[in-house]
Protein backbone atom coordinates (compact mmCIF):
# COMPACT_ATOMS: atom_id res chain seq x y z
CA UNK A 1 -0.09 0.04 0.09
CA UNK A 2 1.59 3.91 -0.84
CA UNK A 3 0.61 6.24 1.23
CA UNK A 4 -1.29 9.45 -0.30
CA UNK A 5 0.01 12.02 2.51
CA UNK A 6 1.96 11.00 5.77
CA UNK A 7 -1.45 11.05 8.00
CA UNK A 8 -3.06 8.56 5.50
CA UNK A 9 -3.98 5.77 7.41
CA UNK A 10 -3.79 1.88 6.61
CA UNK A 11 -6.51 -0.07 7.72
CA UNK A 12 -3.55 -2.45 8.42
CA UNK A 13 -0.20 -2.07 8.93
CA UNK A 14 1.68 -2.46 5.39
CA UNK A 15 5.25 -1.79 6.01
CA UNK A 16 7.53 -3.10 8.29
CA UNK A 17 7.85 -1.42 11.84
CA UNK A 18 4.18 0.27 11.04
CA UNK A 19 1.09 0.06 13.46
CA UNK A 20 -2.02 1.06 14.26
CA UNK A 21 -3.26 2.46 17.13
CA UNK A 22 -6.70 2.62 17.57
CA UNK A 23 -7.32 4.75 20.68
CA UNK A 24 -11.11 5.12 20.04
CA UNK A 25 -12.66 4.73 23.79
CA UNK A 26 -9.77 5.51 25.96
CA UNK A 27 -8.81 8.82 27.77
CA UNK A 28 -5.80 10.55 29.23
CA UNK A 29 -3.39 9.05 30.99
CA UNK A 30 -4.70 5.49 29.04
CA UNK A 31 -4.21 7.54 25.42
CA UNK A 32 -0.72 8.20 27.02
CA UNK A 33 0.19 4.61 28.07
CA UNK A 34 -0.89 2.95 25.03
CA UNK A 35 1.26 4.89 23.02
CA UNK A 36 4.28 4.99 25.13
CA UNK A 37 3.86 0.95 25.43
CA UNK A 38 3.48 0.79 21.34
CA UNK A 39 6.32 2.85 20.62
CA UNK A 40 8.69 1.10 22.72
CA UNK A 41 7.94 -2.08 21.03
CA UNK A 42 8.41 -0.74 18.04
CA UNK A 43 11.64 -1.07 15.66
CA UNK A 44 13.59 2.77 15.00
CA UNK A 45 12.03 4.20 12.10
CA UNK A 46 8.50 2.92 12.44
CA UNK A 47 5.53 4.96 12.02
CA UNK A 48 2.80 4.64 14.45
CA UNK A 49 -0.70 5.34 13.43
CA UNK A 50 -3.25 6.62 16.19
CA UNK A 51 -6.97 7.29 15.52
CA UNK A 52 -8.09 8.97 19.01
CA UNK A 53 -11.65 10.17 19.58
CA UNK A 54 -10.14 11.79 23.14
CA UNK A 55 -9.79 15.33 22.08
CA UNK A 56 -7.23 16.18 24.45
CA UNK A 57 -5.06 13.47 23.72
CA UNK A 58 -4.41 15.51 20.30
CA UNK A 59 -2.56 17.82 22.49
CA UNK A 60 -1.05 15.37 24.49
CA UNK A 61 0.22 12.39 22.79
CA UNK A 62 2.50 14.76 20.41
CA UNK A 63 3.62 16.68 22.85
CA UNK A 64 4.78 14.05 25.17
CA UNK A 65 6.22 11.95 22.16
CA UNK A 66 8.59 14.90 21.43
CA UNK A 67 9.87 15.12 25.02
CA UNK A 68 10.57 11.21 24.67
CA UNK A 69 12.85 12.16 21.32
CA UNK A 70 10.17 10.92 18.64
CA UNK A 71 9.05 12.34 15.23
CA UNK A 72 6.00 14.02 15.18
CA UNK A 73 4.57 13.75 11.67
CA UNK A 74 1.44 15.56 12.23
CA UNK A 75 -2.30 15.59 13.23
CA UNK A 76 -5.33 16.17 11.63
CA UNK A 77 -8.76 15.77 12.32
CA UNK A 78 -11.39 12.53 10.94
CA UNK A 79 -14.91 11.92 10.42
CA UNK A 80 -17.02 11.13 13.27
CA UNK A 81 -15.11 13.69 16.10
CA UNK A 82 -11.67 11.67 15.74
CA UNK A 83 -8.52 12.89 14.98
CA UNK A 84 -5.21 10.97 13.18
CA UNK A 85 -1.71 11.31 14.83
CA UNK A 86 1.21 10.01 13.51
CA UNK A 87 4.31 9.55 14.83
CA UNK A 88 8.05 8.13 13.71
CA UNK A 89 10.30 6.36 16.03
CA UNK A 90 13.66 7.88 16.04
CA UNK A 91 15.29 6.20 19.13
């Protein structure tokens, strides 16, 4: 599968190291914990595609990921009051 933009979400991971994390129904701090655990399990260079319906997570996850030294590709709104967050594991 090819991505039309960095925030295009695959339905399943299609590239080695890529993961999709559905956090819908989760609230902070669980969004933070699940994201950190997913990032720790990924290889360097892997992309984590996160979808969330908890609006504070749109600010908190990228801020925390930056503090961990990870790359934030971006965030964008999705239909049905959801948001996309894409991170790349740097270390």
